[in-house]
Amino acid sequence: MRALRHRDRNTSRFRPDQLADKTAIVGSGNAVRLLKCIQWAAWQEFGLPLQLAETKEEAAVGAAQLALTAK
């Protein structure tokens, strides 16, 4: 099995100062949660560990919260 290596942060689409003080990336959504290739792509792009959001079904939760506050 090939070892995974993240890209050098200098090749990221983000400026180095935008990532300098970051320690992790937070991912949410079923695609990020279920597809290892998307998790890998996030790690590859940012060179930081990916933390998955604790909330599941984020879109449904957001829609429910919006419905509760709608007038």
Protein backbone atom coordinates (compact mmCIF):
# COMPACT_ATOMS: atom_id res chain seq x y z
CA MET A 1 0.00 0.00 0.00
CA ARG A 2 1.28 3.44 -0.92
CA ALA A 3 1.82 5.91 1.90
CA LEU A 4 -0.33 9.03 1.73
CA ARG A 5 1.47 12.33 1.59
CA HIS A 6 -0.20 15.72 1.54
CA ARG A 7 0.87 18.38 -0.90
CA ASP A 8 3.18 21.09 0.24
CA ARG A 9 1.06 23.95 1.59
CA ASN A 10 2.76 26.24 -0.93
CA THR A 11 0.86 24.50 -3.74
CA SER A 12 -2.51 25.07 -2.10
CA ARG A 13 -5.04 27.44 -3.63
CA PHE A 14 -5.00 29.34 -0.33
CA ARG A 15 -2.40 31.90 0.67
CA PRO A 16 0.02 30.63 3.34
CA ASP A 17 -1.15 33.30 5.81
CA GLN A 18 -4.72 31.97 5.54
CA LEU A 19 -3.63 28.54 6.81
CA ALA A 20 -0.77 29.54 9.11
CA ASP A 21 -2.63 29.35 12.43
CA LYS A 22 -5.02 26.53 11.47
CA THR A 23 -4.70 23.12 13.12
CA ALA A 24 -7.55 21.23 11.41
CA ILE A 25 -10.25 21.44 8.77
CA VAL A 26 -13.88 20.79 9.76
CA GLY A 27 -15.93 18.87 7.23
CA SER A 28 -19.68 18.39 7.16
CA GLY A 29 -22.23 16.69 4.98
CA ASN A 30 -22.88 13.11 4.01
CA ALA A 31 -20.49 13.25 1.08
CA VAL A 32 -17.57 14.20 3.31
CA ARG A 33 -18.65 11.72 5.96
CA LEU A 34 -19.17 8.76 3.61
CA LEU A 35 -16.65 9.21 0.80
CA LYS A 36 -13.04 8.59 1.74
CA CYS A 37 -11.91 10.19 -1.55
CA ILE A 38 -13.41 13.53 -0.49
CA GLN A 39 -11.79 13.26 2.94
CA TRP A 40 -8.50 12.53 1.21
CA ALA A 41 -8.94 15.46 -1.18
CA ALA A 42 -9.51 17.86 1.74
CA TRP A 43 -6.42 16.55 3.49
CA GLN A 44 -4.45 16.77 0.25
CA GLU A 45 -5.53 20.36 -0.39
CA PHE A 46 -5.00 21.76 3.11
CA GLY A 47 -2.36 19.46 4.58
CA LEU A 48 -4.32 19.47 7.84
CA PRO A 49 -6.28 16.78 9.67
CA LEU A 50 -9.97 16.60 8.81
CA GLN A 51 -12.47 16.64 11.67
CA LEU A 52 -16.02 15.63 10.87
CA ALA A 53 -18.83 17.72 12.31
CA GLU A 54 -20.75 16.03 15.11
CA THR A 55 -24.14 16.89 13.60
CA LYS A 56 -25.43 14.46 11.00
CA GLU A 57 -27.92 15.30 8.24
CA GLU A 58 -26.80 18.93 8.36
CA ALA A 59 -29.13 20.10 5.60
CA ALA A 60 -32.18 18.65 7.33
CA VAL A 61 -31.17 20.14 10.66
CA GLY A 62 -30.61 23.55 9.05
CA ALA A 63 -33.98 23.41 7.30
CA ALA A 64 -35.70 22.49 10.58
CA GLN A 65 -33.99 25.33 12.41
CA LEU A 66 -35.01 27.76 9.69
CA ALA A 67 -38.61 26.53 9.83
CA LEU A 68 -38.68 27.08 13.60
CA THR A 69 -37.58 30.70 13.22
CA ALA A 70 -39.70 31.57 10.17
CA LYS A 71 -42.60 33.95 10.74
